[in-house]
N, C-alpha and C. Protein backbone atom coordinates (compact mmCIF):
# COMPACT_ATOMS: atom_id res chain seq x y z
N MET A 1 -7.31 12.85 -1.77
CA MET A 1 -8.15 13.97 -1.40
C MET A 1 -7.30 15.22 -1.19
N VAL A 2 -7.91 16.38 -1.42
CA VAL A 2 -7.28 17.67 -1.12
C VAL A 2 -8.24 18.44 -0.22
N VAL A 3 -7.74 18.86 0.94
CA VAL A 3 -8.57 19.63 1.88
C VAL A 3 -7.80 20.89 2.28
N ASP A 4 -8.31 22.04 1.87
CA ASP A 4 -7.63 23.30 2.14
C ASP A 4 -8.66 24.42 2.06
N ASP A 5 -8.61 25.37 2.99
CA ASP A 5 -9.62 26.44 2.98
C ASP A 5 -9.29 27.56 2.01
N GLU A 6 -8.18 27.44 1.27
CA GLU A 6 -7.81 28.45 0.28
C GLU A 6 -8.08 27.92 -1.13
N PRO A 7 -8.98 28.54 -1.88
CA PRO A 7 -9.30 28.07 -3.24
C PRO A 7 -8.09 27.98 -4.15
N LEU A 8 -7.17 28.95 -4.06
CA LEU A 8 -5.98 28.93 -4.92
C LEU A 8 -5.09 27.74 -4.58
N ALA A 9 -4.99 27.41 -3.30
CA ALA A 9 -4.19 26.27 -2.89
C ALA A 9 -4.81 24.97 -3.41
N ILE A 10 -6.12 24.87 -3.34
CA ILE A 10 -6.80 23.68 -3.87
C ILE A 10 -6.55 23.55 -5.37
N SER A 11 -6.69 24.65 -6.08
CA SER A 11 -6.49 24.62 -7.53
C SER A 11 -5.07 24.17 -7.88
N LEU A 12 -4.09 24.67 -7.14
CA LEU A 12 -2.70 24.29 -7.39
C LEU A 12 -2.49 22.80 -7.14
N LEU A 13 -2.97 22.30 -6.00
CA LEU A 13 -2.77 20.90 -5.64
C LEU A 13 -3.52 19.97 -6.59
N GLU A 14 -4.72 20.36 -6.99
CA GLU A 14 -5.46 19.55 -7.97
C GLU A 14 -4.66 19.43 -9.27
N ASN A 15 -4.09 20.54 -9.70
CA ASN A 15 -3.28 20.54 -10.92
C ASN A 15 -2.08 19.62 -10.77
N TYR A 16 -1.42 19.67 -9.63
CA TYR A 16 -0.27 18.81 -9.37
C TYR A 16 -0.67 17.34 -9.39
N VAL A 17 -1.78 17.03 -8.74
CA VAL A 17 -2.25 15.63 -8.69
C VAL A 17 -2.48 15.09 -10.09
N ARG A 18 -3.09 15.89 -10.95
CA ARG A 18 -3.40 15.43 -12.32
C ARG A 18 -2.15 15.13 -13.14
N LYS A 19 -1.03 15.72 -12.75
CA LYS A 19 0.22 15.51 -13.49
C LYS A 19 0.94 14.22 -13.10
N ILE A 20 0.49 13.57 -12.03
CA ILE A 20 1.21 12.40 -11.51
C ILE A 20 0.38 11.15 -11.78
N PRO A 21 0.90 10.23 -12.59
CA PRO A 21 0.11 9.08 -13.04
C PRO A 21 -0.42 8.17 -11.93
N PHE A 22 0.33 8.04 -10.84
CA PHE A 22 -0.10 7.10 -9.80
C PHE A 22 -1.02 7.74 -8.76
N LEU A 23 -1.38 9.03 -8.94
CA LEU A 23 -2.36 9.67 -8.08
C LEU A 23 -3.67 9.85 -8.83
N GLU A 24 -4.78 9.71 -8.10
CA GLU A 24 -6.10 9.97 -8.67
C GLU A 24 -6.88 10.83 -7.69
N LEU A 25 -7.35 11.97 -8.14
CA LEU A 25 -8.11 12.86 -7.28
C LEU A 25 -9.55 12.35 -7.15
N VAL A 26 -9.96 12.02 -5.93
CA VAL A 26 -11.32 11.51 -5.71
C VAL A 26 -12.23 12.56 -5.08
N PHE A 27 -11.61 13.56 -4.39
CA PHE A 27 -12.45 14.55 -3.72
C PHE A 27 -11.58 15.73 -3.31
N SER A 28 -12.12 16.94 -3.41
CA SER A 28 -11.43 18.12 -2.90
C SER A 28 -12.48 19.07 -2.32
N THR A 29 -12.08 19.80 -1.29
CA THR A 29 -13.04 20.70 -0.64
C THR A 29 -12.30 21.76 0.17
N GLU A 30 -12.98 22.91 0.34
CA GLU A 30 -12.49 23.95 1.23
C GLU A 30 -12.98 23.74 2.66
N ASN A 31 -13.87 22.80 2.85
CA ASN A 31 -14.52 22.59 4.14
C ASN A 31 -14.13 21.23 4.72
N PRO A 32 -13.36 21.16 5.80
CA PRO A 32 -12.96 19.87 6.36
C PRO A 32 -14.13 19.05 6.88
N ILE A 33 -15.24 19.71 7.23
CA ILE A 33 -16.43 18.97 7.67
C ILE A 33 -16.98 18.14 6.50
N GLU A 34 -16.96 18.72 5.31
CA GLU A 34 -17.39 17.98 4.12
C GLU A 34 -16.46 16.79 3.86
N ALA A 35 -15.18 16.99 4.13
CA ALA A 35 -14.21 15.90 3.94
C ALA A 35 -14.50 14.75 4.92
N LEU A 36 -14.86 15.08 6.16
CA LEU A 36 -15.23 14.05 7.13
C LEU A 36 -16.43 13.26 6.64
N ASP A 37 -17.41 13.97 6.11
CA ASP A 37 -18.61 13.31 5.58
C ASP A 37 -18.26 12.40 4.41
N TYR A 38 -17.37 12.86 3.55
CA TYR A 38 -16.96 12.04 2.40
C TYR A 38 -16.31 10.75 2.87
N ILE A 39 -15.43 10.86 3.85
CA ILE A 39 -14.70 9.68 4.35
C ILE A 39 -15.64 8.66 4.99
N GLN A 40 -16.74 9.13 5.56
CA GLN A 40 -17.69 8.21 6.18
C GLN A 40 -18.36 7.30 5.16
N ASN A 41 -18.43 7.76 3.91
CA ASN A 41 -19.22 7.03 2.90
C ASN A 41 -18.42 6.61 1.67
N ASN A 42 -17.14 6.95 1.62
CA ASN A 42 -16.35 6.66 0.43
C ASN A 42 -14.94 6.22 0.81
N GLU A 43 -14.23 5.70 -0.17
CA GLU A 43 -12.86 5.23 0.05
C GLU A 43 -11.85 6.26 -0.45
N ALA A 44 -10.81 6.43 0.32
CA ALA A 44 -9.66 7.24 -0.09
C ALA A 44 -8.44 6.70 0.65
N ASP A 45 -7.27 6.97 0.13
CA ASP A 45 -6.04 6.48 0.74
C ASP A 45 -5.22 7.59 1.38
N LEU A 46 -5.17 8.72 0.69
CA LEU A 46 -4.22 9.78 1.05
C LEU A 46 -4.92 11.13 0.98
N VAL A 47 -4.60 12.02 1.91
CA VAL A 47 -5.16 13.37 1.85
C VAL A 47 -4.04 14.41 1.98
N PHE A 48 -4.06 15.39 1.08
CA PHE A 48 -3.21 16.57 1.22
C PHE A 48 -4.02 17.55 2.07
N LEU A 49 -3.56 17.76 3.29
CA LEU A 49 -4.39 18.38 4.33
C LEU A 49 -3.75 19.66 4.87
N ASP A 50 -4.50 20.76 4.76
CA ASP A 50 -4.07 22.01 5.37
C ASP A 50 -4.24 21.89 6.90
N ILE A 51 -3.44 22.63 7.65
CA ILE A 51 -3.54 22.56 9.11
C ILE A 51 -4.45 23.64 9.67
N GLN A 52 -4.22 24.88 9.28
CA GLN A 52 -5.00 25.98 9.84
C GLN A 52 -6.24 26.24 8.99
N MET A 53 -7.39 25.74 9.48
CA MET A 53 -8.67 25.95 8.81
C MET A 53 -9.68 26.36 9.87
N PRO A 54 -10.60 27.26 9.55
CA PRO A 54 -11.50 27.81 10.58
C PRO A 54 -12.49 26.80 11.17
N GLU A 55 -13.08 25.95 10.33
CA GLU A 55 -14.10 25.04 10.85
C GLU A 55 -13.50 23.91 11.70
N LEU A 56 -12.35 23.41 11.26
CA LEU A 56 -11.73 22.27 11.93
C LEU A 56 -10.25 22.25 11.53
N THR A 57 -9.35 22.23 12.48
CA THR A 57 -7.93 22.23 12.13
C THR A 57 -7.52 20.88 11.54
N GLY A 58 -6.43 20.89 10.79
CA GLY A 58 -5.93 19.64 10.23
C GLY A 58 -5.54 18.64 11.31
N ILE A 59 -4.98 19.13 12.43
CA ILE A 59 -4.60 18.24 13.53
C ILE A 59 -5.84 17.55 14.09
N ASN A 60 -6.92 18.31 14.31
CA ASN A 60 -8.15 17.70 14.83
C ASN A 60 -8.79 16.77 13.82
N PHE A 61 -8.67 17.12 12.54
CA PHE A 61 -9.17 16.23 11.49
C PHE A 61 -8.48 14.86 11.58
N MET A 62 -7.15 14.87 11.76
CA MET A 62 -6.40 13.61 11.86
C MET A 62 -6.80 12.83 13.11
N LYS A 63 -7.06 13.54 14.20
CA LYS A 63 -7.48 12.86 15.43
C LYS A 63 -8.82 12.16 15.24
N ILE A 64 -9.71 12.77 14.48
CA ILE A 64 -11.03 12.18 14.25
C ILE A 64 -10.96 10.99 13.29
N VAL A 65 -10.25 11.17 12.18
CA VAL A 65 -10.21 10.13 11.13
C VAL A 65 -9.26 9.00 11.50
N GLY A 66 -8.15 9.34 12.15
CA GLY A 66 -7.20 8.32 12.59
C GLY A 66 -6.48 7.65 11.43
N ASP A 67 -6.24 6.35 11.58
CA ASP A 67 -5.42 5.60 10.62
C ASP A 67 -6.15 5.21 9.35
N LYS A 68 -7.39 5.66 9.19
CA LYS A 68 -8.12 5.33 7.96
C LYS A 68 -7.46 5.96 6.74
N LEU A 69 -6.78 7.08 6.95
CA LEU A 69 -6.08 7.78 5.86
C LEU A 69 -4.61 7.95 6.22
N LYS A 70 -3.80 8.18 5.20
CA LYS A 70 -2.46 8.70 5.40
C LYS A 70 -2.48 10.17 4.98
N TYR A 71 -1.56 10.95 5.55
CA TYR A 71 -1.65 12.39 5.43
C TYR A 71 -0.35 13.01 4.92
N ILE A 72 -0.48 13.96 4.01
CA ILE A 72 0.60 14.89 3.68
C ILE A 72 0.10 16.26 4.08
N LEU A 73 0.74 16.86 5.07
CA LEU A 73 0.29 18.15 5.59
C LEU A 73 0.80 19.29 4.71
N THR A 74 -0.07 20.27 4.47
CA THR A 74 0.29 21.43 3.67
C THR A 74 -0.01 22.68 4.49
N THR A 75 1.01 23.49 4.76
CA THR A 75 0.79 24.64 5.62
C THR A 75 1.91 25.65 5.44
N ALA A 76 1.66 26.87 5.87
CA ALA A 76 2.69 27.91 5.86
C ALA A 76 3.39 28.01 7.21
N TYR A 77 3.03 27.12 8.15
CA TYR A 77 3.53 27.25 9.52
C TYR A 77 4.31 26.00 9.93
N SER A 78 5.61 26.13 10.09
CA SER A 78 6.47 24.98 10.39
C SER A 78 6.33 24.49 11.82
N GLU A 79 5.77 25.29 12.72
CA GLU A 79 5.74 24.91 14.13
C GLU A 79 4.83 23.73 14.42
N TYR A 80 4.01 23.33 13.43
CA TYR A 80 3.11 22.21 13.66
C TYR A 80 3.72 20.86 13.26
N ALA A 81 4.94 20.87 12.79
CA ALA A 81 5.54 19.65 12.24
C ALA A 81 5.60 18.53 13.26
N LEU A 82 6.09 18.82 14.47
CA LEU A 82 6.28 17.77 15.46
C LEU A 82 4.95 17.15 15.86
N GLU A 83 3.93 17.98 16.10
CA GLU A 83 2.62 17.43 16.47
C GLU A 83 2.05 16.60 15.34
N GLY A 84 2.28 17.04 14.10
CA GLY A 84 1.78 16.28 12.96
C GLY A 84 2.36 14.88 12.91
N TYR A 85 3.63 14.74 13.27
CA TYR A 85 4.28 13.44 13.17
C TYR A 85 3.85 12.45 14.24
N GLU A 86 3.00 12.88 15.15
CA GLU A 86 2.40 11.95 16.09
C GLU A 86 1.26 11.19 15.42
N HIS A 87 0.89 11.59 14.23
CA HIS A 87 -0.19 10.95 13.49
C HIS A 87 0.40 10.20 12.28
N ASN A 88 -0.49 9.72 11.42
CA ASN A 88 -0.07 8.83 10.35
C ASN A 88 0.36 9.62 9.11
N ILE A 89 1.30 10.57 9.29
CA ILE A 89 1.62 11.42 8.16
C ILE A 89 2.83 10.91 7.39
N VAL A 90 2.79 11.18 6.11
CA VAL A 90 3.85 10.77 5.19
C VAL A 90 4.88 11.88 5.05
N ASP A 91 4.42 13.12 4.98
CA ASP A 91 5.34 14.23 4.75
C ASP A 91 4.68 15.53 5.19
N TYR A 92 5.48 16.58 5.16
CA TYR A 92 5.05 17.90 5.64
C TYR A 92 5.53 18.92 4.61
N LEU A 93 4.58 19.55 3.91
CA LEU A 93 4.92 20.50 2.85
C LEU A 93 4.67 21.93 3.31
N LEU A 94 5.70 22.75 3.21
CA LEU A 94 5.55 24.15 3.56
C LEU A 94 5.18 24.96 2.32
N LYS A 95 4.17 25.80 2.45
CA LYS A 95 3.75 26.67 1.35
C LYS A 95 4.72 27.83 1.21
N PRO A 96 4.96 28.35 0.00
CA PRO A 96 4.41 27.88 -1.29
C PRO A 96 5.05 26.56 -1.71
N ILE A 97 4.23 25.68 -2.28
CA ILE A 97 4.66 24.32 -2.60
C ILE A 97 5.04 24.22 -4.07
N SER A 98 6.27 23.85 -4.33
CA SER A 98 6.70 23.65 -5.71
C SER A 98 6.27 22.27 -6.19
N PHE A 99 6.18 22.10 -7.52
CA PHE A 99 5.81 20.80 -8.04
C PHE A 99 6.86 19.75 -7.70
N GLU A 100 8.14 20.14 -7.73
CA GLU A 100 9.22 19.20 -7.41
C GLU A 100 9.05 18.63 -6.00
N ARG A 101 8.77 19.52 -5.05
CA ARG A 101 8.60 19.07 -3.66
C ARG A 101 7.34 18.24 -3.51
N PHE A 102 6.27 18.62 -4.21
CA PHE A 102 5.02 17.85 -4.20
C PHE A 102 5.25 16.45 -4.75
N TYR A 103 6.01 16.37 -5.83
CA TYR A 103 6.28 15.06 -6.45
C TYR A 103 7.09 14.17 -5.51
N GLN A 104 8.07 14.76 -4.81
CA GLN A 104 8.86 13.98 -3.86
C GLN A 104 7.97 13.40 -2.76
N SER A 105 7.03 14.20 -2.27
CA SER A 105 6.10 13.73 -1.24
C SER A 105 5.20 12.62 -1.77
N SER A 106 4.76 12.77 -2.99
CA SER A 106 3.90 11.75 -3.60
C SER A 106 4.64 10.42 -3.74
N LEU A 107 5.93 10.50 -4.08
CA LEU A 107 6.73 9.28 -4.16
C LEU A 107 6.86 8.62 -2.79
N LYS A 108 7.01 9.43 -1.76
CA LYS A 108 7.04 8.89 -0.40
C LYS A 108 5.75 8.16 -0.08
N ALA A 109 4.63 8.75 -0.48
CA ALA A 109 3.34 8.11 -0.22
C ALA A 109 3.23 6.79 -0.97
N GLN A 110 3.64 6.80 -2.23
CA GLN A 110 3.60 5.57 -3.02
C GLN A 110 4.45 4.49 -2.37
N GLU A 111 5.62 4.88 -1.89
CA GLU A 111 6.52 3.93 -1.23
C GLU A 111 5.90 3.41 0.06
N ARG A 112 5.22 4.29 0.80
CA ARG A 112 4.60 3.88 2.05
C ARG A 112 3.49 2.86 1.81
N PHE A 113 2.67 3.07 0.78
CA PHE A 113 1.60 2.12 0.49
C PHE A 113 2.16 0.79 0.00
N SER A 114 3.20 0.85 -0.82
CA SER A 114 3.87 -0.37 -1.27
C SER A 114 4.49 -1.10 -0.09
N PHE A 115 5.07 -0.34 0.81
CA PHE A 115 5.70 -0.85 2.03
C PHE A 115 4.68 -1.66 2.84
N VAL A 116 3.48 -1.12 3.02
CA VAL A 116 2.44 -1.80 3.80
C VAL A 116 1.92 -3.02 3.08
N GLU A 117 1.73 -2.93 1.77
CA GLU A 117 1.15 -4.03 1.01
C GLU A 117 2.10 -5.22 0.87
N ASN A 118 3.39 -4.95 0.77
CA ASN A 118 4.34 -6.00 0.45
C ASN A 118 4.99 -6.67 1.66
N LYS A 119 4.80 -6.09 2.83
CA LYS A 119 5.41 -6.64 4.02
C LYS A 119 4.36 -7.32 4.89
N VAL A 120 4.60 -8.60 5.25
CA VAL A 120 3.68 -9.31 6.13
C VAL A 120 3.76 -8.71 7.52
N ASP A 121 4.96 -8.46 8.01
CA ASP A 121 5.16 -7.90 9.34
C ASP A 121 5.62 -6.46 9.22
N SER A 122 4.87 -5.54 9.81
CA SER A 122 5.27 -4.14 9.81
C SER A 122 5.57 -3.67 11.23
N HIS A 123 5.86 -4.62 12.10
CA HIS A 123 6.11 -4.29 13.50
C HIS A 123 6.95 -5.40 14.13
N PHE A 124 7.43 -5.14 15.32
CA PHE A 124 8.03 -6.18 16.12
C PHE A 124 7.75 -5.91 17.59
N PHE A 125 8.05 -6.90 18.43
CA PHE A 125 7.84 -6.76 19.86
C PHE A 125 9.20 -6.70 20.55
N VAL A 126 9.31 -5.80 21.52
CA VAL A 126 10.54 -5.70 22.30
C VAL A 126 10.18 -5.72 23.78
N LYS A 127 11.11 -6.23 24.58
CA LYS A 127 10.90 -6.26 26.03
C LYS A 127 11.57 -5.05 26.65
N SER A 128 10.78 -4.22 27.34
CA SER A 128 11.28 -3.03 27.99
C SER A 128 10.50 -2.79 29.27
N SER A 129 11.18 -2.50 30.35
CA SER A 129 10.55 -2.26 31.66
C SER A 129 9.65 -3.41 32.08
N GLY A 130 10.10 -4.63 31.77
CA GLY A 130 9.38 -5.82 32.21
C GLY A 130 8.15 -6.17 31.40
N GLN A 131 7.92 -5.47 30.28
CA GLN A 131 6.75 -5.74 29.45
C GLN A 131 7.16 -5.91 27.99
N GLN A 132 6.32 -6.64 27.23
CA GLN A 132 6.50 -6.75 25.79
C GLN A 132 5.73 -5.62 25.12
N HIS A 133 6.43 -4.84 24.31
CA HIS A 133 5.81 -3.70 23.64
C HIS A 133 5.83 -3.92 22.13
N ARG A 134 4.69 -3.66 21.50
CA ARG A 134 4.63 -3.70 20.03
C ARG A 134 5.05 -2.34 19.49
N ILE A 135 6.00 -2.34 18.55
CA ILE A 135 6.46 -1.09 17.92
C ILE A 135 6.29 -1.22 16.42
N ASN A 136 5.52 -0.32 15.83
CA ASN A 136 5.41 -0.27 14.37
C ASN A 136 6.68 0.33 13.79
N PHE A 137 7.24 -0.31 12.78
CA PHE A 137 8.49 0.16 12.20
C PHE A 137 8.40 1.61 11.74
N GLU A 138 7.26 1.97 11.14
CA GLU A 138 7.15 3.32 10.58
C GLU A 138 7.09 4.39 11.67
N ASP A 139 6.84 4.00 12.93
CA ASP A 139 6.79 4.96 14.02
C ASP A 139 8.17 5.27 14.61
N ILE A 140 9.16 4.47 14.25
CA ILE A 140 10.49 4.66 14.83
C ILE A 140 11.19 5.86 14.18
N LEU A 141 11.71 6.76 15.01
CA LEU A 141 12.49 7.89 14.52
C LEU A 141 13.95 7.49 14.35
N TYR A 142 14.52 6.96 15.44
CA TYR A 142 15.90 6.49 15.38
C TYR A 142 16.13 5.51 16.53
N ILE A 143 17.26 4.82 16.48
CA ILE A 143 17.66 3.88 17.52
C ILE A 143 19.08 4.25 17.93
N GLU A 144 19.28 4.39 19.25
CA GLU A 144 20.58 4.80 19.77
C GLU A 144 21.17 3.72 20.66
N SER A 145 22.45 3.45 20.48
CA SER A 145 23.16 2.50 21.33
C SER A 145 23.55 3.15 22.65
N ILE A 146 23.26 2.46 23.77
CA ILE A 146 23.64 2.94 25.10
C ILE A 146 24.28 1.77 25.84
N LYS A 147 25.60 1.61 25.69
CA LYS A 147 26.35 0.51 26.28
C LYS A 147 25.76 -0.83 25.84
N ASP A 148 25.21 -1.63 26.79
CA ASP A 148 24.66 -2.95 26.45
C ASP A 148 23.19 -2.88 26.03
N TYR A 149 22.66 -1.67 25.92
CA TYR A 149 21.25 -1.48 25.60
C TYR A 149 21.10 -0.62 24.35
N VAL A 150 19.87 -0.58 23.84
CA VAL A 150 19.53 0.37 22.78
C VAL A 150 18.29 1.14 23.22
N ASN A 151 18.21 2.38 22.77
CA ASN A 151 17.04 3.21 23.01
C ASN A 151 16.30 3.36 21.69
N ILE A 152 15.11 2.75 21.60
CA ILE A 152 14.28 2.86 20.39
C ILE A 152 13.35 4.05 20.58
N LYS A 153 13.55 5.09 19.78
CA LYS A 153 12.84 6.35 19.98
C LYS A 153 11.74 6.52 18.95
N THR A 154 10.50 6.69 19.43
CA THR A 154 9.37 7.05 18.56
C THR A 154 8.98 8.49 18.89
N ALA A 155 7.94 8.99 18.24
CA ALA A 155 7.56 10.39 18.43
C ALA A 155 7.14 10.69 19.86
N ASN A 156 6.56 9.70 20.54
CA ASN A 156 6.06 9.98 21.90
C ASN A 156 6.47 8.94 22.94
N GLN A 157 7.48 8.13 22.63
CA GLN A 157 7.86 7.07 23.57
C GLN A 157 9.31 6.67 23.36
N GLU A 158 9.97 6.23 24.43
CA GLU A 158 11.30 5.64 24.35
C GLU A 158 11.24 4.24 24.96
N TYR A 159 11.93 3.30 24.31
CA TYR A 159 11.99 1.92 24.79
C TYR A 159 13.45 1.53 24.99
N ILE A 160 13.85 1.32 26.24
CA ILE A 160 15.20 0.89 26.55
C ILE A 160 15.22 -0.64 26.53
N VAL A 161 16.00 -1.21 25.60
CA VAL A 161 15.94 -2.64 25.32
C VAL A 161 17.34 -3.25 25.41
N LEU A 162 17.44 -4.42 26.00
CA LEU A 162 18.71 -5.14 26.05
C LEU A 162 18.94 -5.78 24.68
N ASP A 163 19.70 -5.11 23.84
CA ASP A 163 19.94 -5.58 22.47
C ASP A 163 21.13 -4.79 21.93
N THR A 164 21.53 -5.10 20.70
CA THR A 164 22.64 -4.38 20.08
C THR A 164 22.19 -3.73 18.78
N LEU A 165 22.88 -2.69 18.39
CA LEU A 165 22.58 -2.05 17.11
C LEU A 165 22.80 -3.01 15.95
N LYS A 166 23.84 -3.84 16.06
CA LYS A 166 24.15 -4.77 14.98
C LYS A 166 22.99 -5.73 14.75
N SER A 167 22.39 -6.23 15.84
CA SER A 167 21.25 -7.14 15.72
C SER A 167 20.05 -6.45 15.09
N LEU A 168 19.75 -5.24 15.54
CA LEU A 168 18.61 -4.51 14.99
C LEU A 168 18.87 -4.08 13.55
N GLU A 169 20.11 -3.75 13.24
CA GLU A 169 20.46 -3.40 11.86
C GLU A 169 20.13 -4.54 10.91
N GLN A 170 20.39 -5.77 11.33
CA GLN A 170 20.08 -6.94 10.51
C GLN A 170 18.58 -7.15 10.39
N GLN A 171 17.86 -6.97 11.51
CA GLN A 171 16.40 -7.16 11.50
C GLN A 171 15.70 -6.15 10.60
N LEU A 172 16.24 -4.93 10.54
CA LEU A 172 15.57 -3.84 9.85
C LEU A 172 16.16 -3.54 8.47
N SER A 173 17.06 -4.39 8.02
CA SER A 173 17.82 -4.10 6.79
C SER A 173 16.94 -3.97 5.55
N GLU A 174 15.78 -4.65 5.52
CA GLU A 174 14.91 -4.60 4.34
C GLU A 174 13.92 -3.45 4.41
N TRP A 175 13.95 -2.71 5.48
CA TRP A 175 13.02 -1.60 5.66
C TRP A 175 13.76 -0.29 5.42
N SER A 176 13.13 0.81 5.82
CA SER A 176 13.70 2.13 5.54
C SER A 176 14.64 2.59 6.65
N PHE A 177 15.52 1.70 7.06
CA PHE A 177 16.44 2.02 8.14
C PHE A 177 17.88 1.86 7.67
N VAL A 178 18.74 2.70 8.22
CA VAL A 178 20.16 2.61 7.85
C VAL A 178 20.99 3.09 9.04
N ARG A 179 22.10 2.44 9.23
CA ARG A 179 23.03 2.86 10.29
C ARG A 179 23.90 3.97 9.75
N ILE A 180 23.94 5.10 10.44
CA ILE A 180 24.72 6.25 9.96
C ILE A 180 25.85 6.62 10.92
N HIS A 181 25.97 5.89 12.01
CA HIS A 181 26.97 6.19 13.03
C HIS A 181 27.14 4.94 13.89
N LYS A 182 28.26 4.81 14.57
CA LYS A 182 28.46 3.64 15.42
C LYS A 182 27.39 3.54 16.51
N SER A 183 26.73 4.67 16.81
CA SER A 183 25.74 4.68 17.88
C SER A 183 24.31 4.90 17.41
N PHE A 184 24.07 5.04 16.08
CA PHE A 184 22.73 5.41 15.63
C PHE A 184 22.29 4.66 14.36
N ILE A 185 21.03 4.22 14.38
CA ILE A 185 20.28 3.80 13.20
C ILE A 185 19.12 4.78 13.06
N ILE A 186 18.84 5.23 11.84
CA ILE A 186 17.73 6.15 11.64
C ILE A 186 16.72 5.58 10.65
N ASN A 187 15.50 6.08 10.75
CA ASN A 187 14.45 5.79 9.78
C ASN A 187 14.55 6.84 8.67
N THR A 188 14.89 6.44 7.47
CA THR A 188 15.11 7.41 6.39
C THR A 188 13.84 8.17 6.01
N ASN A 189 12.66 7.63 6.34
CA ASN A 189 11.42 8.35 6.08
C ASN A 189 11.23 9.55 7.00
N GLN A 190 12.05 9.63 8.04
CA GLN A 190 11.94 10.74 8.99
C GLN A 190 12.94 11.86 8.73
N ILE A 191 13.73 11.75 7.64
CA ILE A 191 14.77 12.75 7.37
C ILE A 191 14.15 14.05 6.84
N LYS A 192 14.53 15.14 7.48
CA LYS A 192 14.11 16.47 7.02
C LYS A 192 15.18 17.10 6.14
N SER A 193 16.45 16.99 6.56
CA SER A 193 17.55 17.54 5.77
C SER A 193 18.85 16.84 6.15
N ILE A 194 19.84 16.97 5.28
CA ILE A 194 21.14 16.33 5.49
C ILE A 194 22.23 17.35 5.23
N SER A 195 23.19 17.43 6.14
CA SER A 195 24.38 18.26 5.93
C SER A 195 25.60 17.34 5.90
N ALA A 196 26.77 17.92 5.85
CA ALA A 196 27.98 17.11 5.71
C ALA A 196 28.19 16.16 6.88
N LYS A 197 27.80 16.58 8.08
CA LYS A 197 28.13 15.78 9.26
C LYS A 197 26.94 15.36 10.10
N LYS A 198 25.73 15.70 9.67
CA LYS A 198 24.58 15.33 10.48
C LYS A 198 23.31 15.22 9.65
N VAL A 199 22.34 14.53 10.23
CA VAL A 199 21.01 14.40 9.65
C VAL A 199 20.03 15.09 10.59
N ASN A 200 19.14 15.91 10.04
CA ASN A 200 18.08 16.55 10.82
C ASN A 200 16.77 15.83 10.54
N LEU A 201 16.11 15.40 11.60
CA LEU A 201 14.84 14.70 11.47
C LEU A 201 13.68 15.69 11.57
N PHE A 202 12.51 15.29 11.09
CA PHE A 202 11.33 16.15 11.19
C PHE A 202 10.99 16.45 12.65
N SER A 203 11.36 15.54 13.54
CA SER A 203 11.10 15.74 14.97
C SER A 203 12.13 16.65 15.62
N GLU A 204 13.02 17.24 14.80
CA GLU A 204 14.01 18.23 15.20
C GLU A 204 15.26 17.66 15.87
N GLN A 205 15.38 16.31 15.99
CA GLN A 205 16.63 15.75 16.49
C GLN A 205 17.72 15.86 15.43
N GLU A 206 18.95 16.05 15.89
CA GLU A 206 20.11 16.06 15.00
C GLU A 206 20.94 14.81 15.30
N ILE A 207 21.19 13.99 14.25
CA ILE A 207 21.91 12.73 14.41
C ILE A 207 23.22 12.83 13.64
N PRO A 208 24.37 12.56 14.27
CA PRO A 208 25.65 12.67 13.56
C PRO A 208 25.84 11.56 12.53
N ILE A 209 26.57 11.88 11.47
CA ILE A 209 26.93 10.89 10.45
C ILE A 209 28.39 10.50 10.67
N GLY A 210 28.64 9.23 10.90
CA GLY A 210 30.01 8.75 11.07
C GLY A 210 30.70 8.58 9.73
N ASP A 211 31.98 8.89 9.68
CA ASP A 211 32.73 8.82 8.41
C ASP A 211 32.65 7.45 7.76
N MET A 212 32.75 6.38 8.55
CA MET A 212 32.78 5.04 7.98
C MET A 212 31.40 4.56 7.52
N TYR A 213 30.35 5.32 7.86
CA TYR A 213 28.99 4.92 7.49
C TYR A 213 28.41 5.80 6.38
N ARG A 214 29.10 6.89 6.03
CA ARG A 214 28.56 7.88 5.10
C ARG A 214 28.27 7.29 3.72
N GLU A 215 29.20 6.54 3.17
CA GLU A 215 29.03 6.01 1.81
C GLU A 215 27.82 5.09 1.71
N ASN A 216 27.68 4.17 2.67
CA ASN A 216 26.54 3.25 2.64
C ASN A 216 25.23 3.99 2.85
N PHE A 217 25.26 5.01 3.71
CA PHE A 217 24.07 5.83 3.97
C PHE A 217 23.58 6.51 2.69
N LEU A 218 24.49 7.16 1.98
CA LEU A 218 24.11 7.85 0.74
C LEU A 218 23.64 6.87 -0.32
N LYS A 219 24.24 5.69 -0.35
CA LYS A 219 23.82 4.66 -1.29
C LYS A 219 22.40 4.21 -0.97
N LYS A 220 22.10 4.06 0.30
CA LYS A 220 20.76 3.64 0.73
C LYS A 220 19.72 4.67 0.31
N LEU A 221 20.05 5.95 0.42
CA LEU A 221 19.12 6.99 0.04
C LEU A 221 18.80 6.95 -1.45
N LYS A 222 19.83 6.66 -2.26
CA LYS A 222 19.61 6.60 -3.71
C LYS A 222 18.71 5.44 -4.07
């Protein structure tokens, strides 16, 4: 689906969708209320969703629809990125959107759907503060070593767990996780940008890259 209150933006995204074999456009609209009505009566997997719309914002749209859809946000305003990542979003596209960047996001979406379909377990349970907590793998931003403990960081929660990075690295090796430092494992789906010595996440955290982990990290990305 494509939902955007700008006709030119809809036309551009529709054109992009038609160029990608594994995407199929099922519905597009300038009115997010119409999109809500469509979702009530039809099936869709992914929506390219504008954030600032007069009838209903993209953030409120996600709150109403919830996990029924996955989202790629399209907007000219970067300040909404962190709030967006509290929902089931795949990527965040800043306007003007190039086809190259659109295609990269579409590949992420394809990988996410394959990820869900091919994995029996997409979560694990950890003991923290005397309770067992279920954590979905895709919600994890990064994991930090703190002496004999690890801090599992999601967008809105931290879990301090008696465990080691080495143990979690083994558990998560088949997923989108990679160790990039003696003290950090990151979720590669959360990477916003990479420089010589650090990784920037969409949630605005900066994670250092250790020299001895750089080669394996870059290999994992490829």
